[in-house]
C-alpha cells in the first residue's frame, strides 16, 4: 500500500485524489471504515510518520 512506502510516501490528499475522492476527509472516513484506523494511524503503525491532510 502506498501509504506505507518507506520512501516518497504520498500525502493523504494525493492518495485521495488518485482514487477520485472528492476530498481527503471523504477518503479518511472510507479508509477508517474499511481498515479500522485512519491513514495517519496506518502509516505510523507501518513505520512512517509523514502526516498531511
PDB file of N, CA and C in Angstrom:
ATOM      1  N   UNK A   1       0.843  -1.180   0.000  1.00  0.00           N
ATOM      2  CA  UNK A   1       0.000   0.000   0.000  1.00  0.00           C
ATOM      3  C   UNK A   1       0.881   1.233   0.000  1.00  0.00           C
ATOM      4  N   UNK A   2       0.520   2.205  -0.805  1.00  0.00           N
ATOM      5  CA  UNK A   2       1.373   3.376  -0.958  1.00  0.00           C
ATOM      6  C   UNK A   2       1.498   4.228   0.297  1.00  0.00           C
ATOM      7  N   UNK A   3       0.560   4.146   1.229  1.00  0.00           N
ATOM      8  CA  UNK A   3       0.676   4.919   2.472  1.00  0.00           C
ATOM      9  C   UNK A   3       1.757   4.369   3.394  1.00  0.00           C
ATOM     10  N   UNK A   4       2.253   3.189   3.116  1.00  0.00           N
ATOM     11  CA  UNK A   4       3.299   2.594   3.940  1.00  0.00           C
ATOM     12  C   UNK A   4       4.651   2.590   3.235  1.00  0.00           C
ATOM     13  N   UNK A   5       4.745   3.230   2.091  1.00  0.00           N
ATOM     14  CA  UNK A   5       6.006   3.261   1.356  1.00  0.00           C
ATOM     15  C   UNK A   5       7.096   3.932   2.194  1.00  0.00           C
ATOM     16  N   UNK A   6       8.275   3.295   2.306  1.00  0.00           N
ATOM     17  CA  UNK A   6       9.336   3.858   3.137  1.00  0.00           C
ATOM     18  C   UNK A   6       9.950   5.125   2.540  1.00  0.00           C
ATOM     19  N   UNK A   7       9.957   5.240   1.249  1.00  0.00           N
ATOM     20  CA  UNK A   7      10.480   6.423   0.559  1.00  0.00           C
ATOM     21  C   UNK A   7       9.345   7.112  -0.177  1.00  0.00           C
ATOM     22  N   UNK A   8       9.409   8.367  -0.298  1.00  0.00           N
ATOM     23  CA  UNK A   8       8.450   9.146  -1.109  1.00  0.00           C
ATOM     24  C   UNK A   8       7.003   8.710  -0.896  1.00  0.00           C
ATOM     25  N   UNK A   9       6.609   8.628   0.378  1.00  0.00           N
ATOM     26  CA  UNK A   9       5.227   8.288   0.689  1.00  0.00           C
ATOM     27  C   UNK A   9       4.338   9.467   0.336  1.00  0.00           C
ATOM     28  N   UNK A  10       3.291   9.264  -0.452  1.00  0.00           N
ATOM     29  CA  UNK A  10       2.396  10.365  -0.816  1.00  0.00           C
ATOM     30  C   UNK A  10       1.559  10.817   0.374  1.00  0.00           C
ATOM     31  N   UNK A  11       1.122  12.034   0.324  1.00  0.00           N
ATOM     32  CA  UNK A  11       0.231  12.544   1.357  1.00  0.00           C
ATOM     33  C   UNK A  11      -1.175  11.994   1.178  1.00  0.00           C
ATOM     34  N   UNK A  12      -1.957  12.121   2.212  1.00  0.00           N
ATOM     35  CA  UNK A  12      -3.330  11.616   2.192  1.00  0.00           C
ATOM     36  C   UNK A  12      -4.130  12.286   1.075  1.00  0.00           C
ATOM     37  N   UNK A  13      -3.968  13.592   0.913  1.00  0.00           N
ATOM     38  CA  UNK A  13      -4.708  14.308  -0.139  1.00  0.00           C
ATOM     39  C   UNK A  13      -4.334  13.795  -1.525  1.00  0.00           C
ATOM     40  N   UNK A  14      -3.064  13.470  -1.722  1.00  0.00           N
ATOM     41  CA  UNK A  14      -2.612  12.947  -3.012  1.00  0.00           C
ATOM     42  C   UNK A  14      -3.234  11.577  -3.294  1.00  0.00           C
ATOM     43  N   UNK A  15      -3.256  10.725  -2.290  1.00  0.00           N
ATOM     44  CA  UNK A  15      -3.867   9.397  -2.456  1.00  0.00           C
ATOM     45  C   UNK A  15      -5.369   9.544  -2.695  1.00  0.00           C
ATOM     46  N   UNK A  16      -6.013  10.433  -1.945  1.00  0.00           N
ATOM     47  CA  UNK A  16      -7.455  10.658  -2.121  1.00  0.00           C
ATOM     48  C   UNK A  16      -7.761  11.101  -3.545  1.00  0.00           C
ATOM     49  N   UNK A  17      -6.967  12.013  -4.072  1.00  0.00           N
ATOM     50  CA  UNK A  17      -7.180  12.494  -5.441  1.00  0.00           C
ATOM     51  C   UNK A  17      -6.953  11.370  -6.452  1.00  0.00           C
ATOM     52  N   UNK A  18      -5.921  10.573  -6.231  1.00  0.00           N
ATOM     53  CA  UNK A  18      -5.622   9.468  -7.144  1.00  0.00           C
ATOM     54  C   UNK A  18      -6.783   8.480  -7.212  1.00  0.00           C
ATOM     55  N   UNK A  19      -7.452   8.279  -6.074  1.00  0.00           N
ATOM     56  CA  UNK A  19      -8.581   7.344  -6.032  1.00  0.00           C
ATOM     57  C   UNK A  19      -9.917   8.044  -6.261  1.00  0.00           C
ATOM     58  N   UNK A  20      -9.851   9.298  -6.705  1.00  0.00           N
ATOM     59  CA  UNK A  20     -11.013  10.096  -7.124  1.00  0.00           C
ATOM     60  C   UNK A  20     -12.023  10.361  -6.014  1.00  0.00           C
ATOM     61  N   UNK A  21     -11.524  10.573  -4.788  1.00  0.00           N
ATOM     62  CA  UNK A  21     -12.386  11.028  -3.703  1.00  0.00           C
ATOM     63  C   UNK A  21     -12.557  12.531  -3.851  1.00  0.00           C
ATOM     64  N   UNK A  22     -13.703  13.048  -3.444  1.00  0.00           N
ATOM     65  CA  UNK A  22     -13.976  14.479  -3.550  1.00  0.00           C
ATOM     66  C   UNK A  22     -12.971  15.305  -2.754  1.00  0.00           C
ATOM     67  N   UNK A  23     -12.556  14.792  -1.604  1.00  0.00           N
ATOM     68  CA  UNK A  23     -11.551  15.457  -0.784  1.00  0.00           C
ATOM     69  C   UNK A  23     -10.971  14.449   0.195  1.00  0.00           C
ATOM     70  N   UNK A  24      -9.932  14.878   0.912  1.00  0.00           N
ATOM     71  CA  UNK A  24      -9.240  13.938   1.800  1.00  0.00           C
ATOM     72  C   UNK A  24     -10.102  13.481   2.967  1.00  0.00           C
ATOM     73  N   UNK A  25     -11.043  14.311   3.419  1.00  0.00           N
ATOM     74  CA  UNK A  25     -11.877  13.885   4.556  1.00  0.00           C
ATOM     75  C   UNK A  25     -12.757  12.695   4.181  1.00  0.00           C
ATOM     76  N   UNK A  26     -13.257  12.658   2.946  1.00  0.00           N
ATOM     77  CA  UNK A  26     -14.041  11.512   2.497  1.00  0.00           C
ATOM     78  C   UNK A  26     -13.164  10.253   2.423  1.00  0.00           C
ATOM     79  N   UNK A  27     -11.955  10.430   1.929  1.00  0.00           N
ATOM     80  CA  UNK A  27     -11.022   9.305   1.854  1.00  0.00           C
ATOM     81  C   UNK A  27     -10.685   8.781   3.248  1.00  0.00           C
ATOM     82  N   UNK A  28     -10.391   9.682   4.177  1.00  0.00           N
ATOM     83  CA  UNK A  28     -10.053   9.284   5.547  1.00  0.00           C
ATOM     84  C   UNK A  28     -11.191   8.499   6.174  1.00  0.00           C
ATOM     85  N   UNK A  29     -12.405   8.980   5.995  1.00  0.00           N
ATOM     86  CA  UNK A  29     -13.572   8.305   6.554  1.00  0.00           C
ATOM     87  C   UNK A  29     -13.748   6.908   5.942  1.00  0.00           C
ATOM     88  N   UNK A  30     -13.611   6.795   4.626  1.00  0.00           N
ATOM     89  CA  UNK A  30     -13.751   5.495   3.957  1.00  0.00           C
ATOM     90  C   UNK A  30     -12.627   4.547   4.363  1.00  0.00           C
ATOM     91  N   UNK A  31     -11.415   5.077   4.488  1.00  0.00           N
ATOM     92  CA  UNK A  31     -10.273   4.261   4.898  1.00  0.00           C
ATOM     93  C   UNK A  31     -10.494   3.715   6.302  1.00  0.00           C
ATOM     94  N   UNK A  32     -10.949   4.578   7.201  1.00  0.00           N
ATOM     95  CA  UNK A  32     -11.190   4.147   8.587  1.00  0.00           C
ATOM     96  C   UNK A  32     -12.308   3.111   8.653  1.00  0.00           C
ATOM     97  N   UNK A  33     -13.362   3.290   7.875  1.00  0.00           N
ATOM     98  CA  UNK A  33     -14.448   2.297   7.843  1.00  0.00           C
ATOM     99  C   UNK A  33     -13.945   0.946   7.349  1.00  0.00           C
ATOM    100  N   UNK A  34     -13.041   0.968   6.376  1.00  0.00           N
ATOM    101  CA  UNK A  34     -12.533  -0.272   5.793  1.00  0.00           C
ATOM    102  C   UNK A  34     -11.474  -0.943   6.671  1.00  0.00           C
ATOM    103  N   UNK A  35     -10.541  -0.144   7.223  1.00  0.00           N
ATOM    104  CA  UNK A  35      -9.374  -0.710   7.898  1.00  0.00           C
ATOM    105  C   UNK A  35      -9.356  -0.502   9.412  1.00  0.00           C
ATOM    106  N   UNK A  36     -10.314   0.250   9.948  1.00  0.00           N
ATOM    107  CA  UNK A  36     -10.394   0.431  11.390  1.00  0.00           C
ATOM    108  C   UNK A  36      -9.413   1.430  11.967  1.00  0.00           C
ATOM    109  N   UNK A  37      -8.730   2.168  11.116  1.00  0.00           N
ATOM    110  CA  UNK A  37      -7.804   3.206  11.559  1.00  0.00           C
ATOM    111  C   UNK A  37      -7.665   4.243  10.455  1.00  0.00           C
ATOM    112  N   UNK A  38      -7.217   5.426  10.829  1.00  0.00           N
ATOM    113  CA  UNK A  38      -7.037   6.476   9.833  1.00  0.00           C
ATOM    114  C   UNK A  38      -5.780   6.192   9.013  1.00  0.00           C
ATOM    115  N   UNK A  39      -5.634   6.831   7.856  1.00  0.00           N
ATOM    116  CA  UNK A  39      -4.407   6.650   7.085  1.00  0.00           C
ATOM    117  C   UNK A  39      -3.157   7.040   7.889  1.00  0.00           C
ATOM    118  N   UNK A  40      -3.235   8.096   8.696  1.00  0.00           N
ATOM    119  CA  UNK A  40      -2.087   8.503   9.514  1.00  0.00           C
ATOM    120  C   UNK A  40      -1.748   7.438  10.546  1.00  0.00           C
ATOM    121  N   UNK A  41      -2.763   6.855  11.171  1.00  0.00           N
ATOM    122  CA  UNK A  41      -2.533   5.779  12.135  1.00  0.00           C
ATOM    123  C   UNK A  41      -1.903   4.574  11.444  1.00  0.00           C
ATOM    124  N   UNK A  42      -2.386   4.261  10.247  1.00  0.00           N
ATOM    125  CA  UNK A  42      -1.841   3.164   9.465  1.00  0.00           C
ATOM    126  C   UNK A  42      -0.369   3.415   9.143  1.00  0.00           C
ATOM    127  N   UNK A  43      -0.058   4.637   8.706  1.00  0.00           N
ATOM    128  CA  UNK A  43       1.318   4.980   8.353  1.00  0.00           C
ATOM    129  C   UNK A  43       2.230   4.890   9.573  1.00  0.00           C
ATOM    130  N   UNK A  44       1.773   5.404  10.717  1.00  0.00           N
ATOM    131  CA  UNK A  44       2.578   5.314  11.945  1.00  0.00           C
ATOM    132  C   UNK A  44       2.829   3.863  12.334  1.00  0.00           C
ATOM    133  N   UNK A  45       1.811   3.041  12.223  1.00  0.00           N
ATOM    134  CA  UNK A  45       1.941   1.633  12.603  1.00  0.00           C
ATOM    135  C   UNK A  45       2.876   0.869  11.660  1.00  0.00           C
ATOM    136  N   UNK A  46       3.073   1.427  10.462  1.00  0.00           N
ATOM    137  CA  UNK A  46       3.931   0.781   9.479  1.00  0.00           C
ATOM    138  C   UNK A  46       5.266   1.485   9.314  1.00  0.00           C
ATOM    139  N   UNK A  47       5.637   2.297  10.314  1.00  0.00           N
ATOM    140  CA  UNK A  47       6.974   2.876  10.340  1.00  0.00           C
ATOM    141  C   UNK A  47       7.185   4.167   9.591  1.00  0.00           C
ATOM    142  N   UNK A  48       6.123   4.797   9.146  1.00  0.00           N
ATOM    143  CA  UNK A  48       6.275   6.104   8.505  1.00  0.00           C
ATOM    144  C   UNK A  48       5.491   7.112   9.316  1.00  0.00           C
ATOM    145  N   UNK A  49       5.862   8.366   9.239  1.00  0.00           N
ATOM    146  CA  UNK A  49       5.193   9.340  10.092  1.00  0.00           C
ATOM    147  C   UNK A  49       4.800  10.624   9.397  1.00  0.00           C
ATOM    148  N   UNK A  50       4.890  10.713   8.104  1.00  0.00           N
ATOM    149  CA  UNK A  50       4.500  11.929   7.389  1.00  0.00           C
ATOM    150  C   UNK A  50       3.002  12.073   7.463  1.00  0.00           C
ATOM    151  N   UNK A  51       2.537  13.157   8.085  1.00  0.00           N
ATOM    152  CA  UNK A  51       1.095  13.371   8.213  1.00  0.00           C
ATOM    153  C   UNK A  51       0.713  14.611   7.432  1.00  0.00           C
ATOM    154  N   UNK A  52      -0.076  14.411   6.400  1.00  0.00           N
ATOM    155  CA  UNK A  52      -0.654  15.523   5.668  1.00  0.00           C
ATOM    156  C   UNK A  52      -2.105  15.236   5.446  1.00  0.00           C
ATOM    157  N   UNK A  53      -2.846  16.272   5.325  1.00  0.00           N
ATOM    158  CA  UNK A  53      -4.281  16.101   5.164  1.00  0.00           C
ATOM    159  C   UNK A  53      -4.746  16.806   3.925  1.00  0.00           C
TER     160      UNK A  53
END
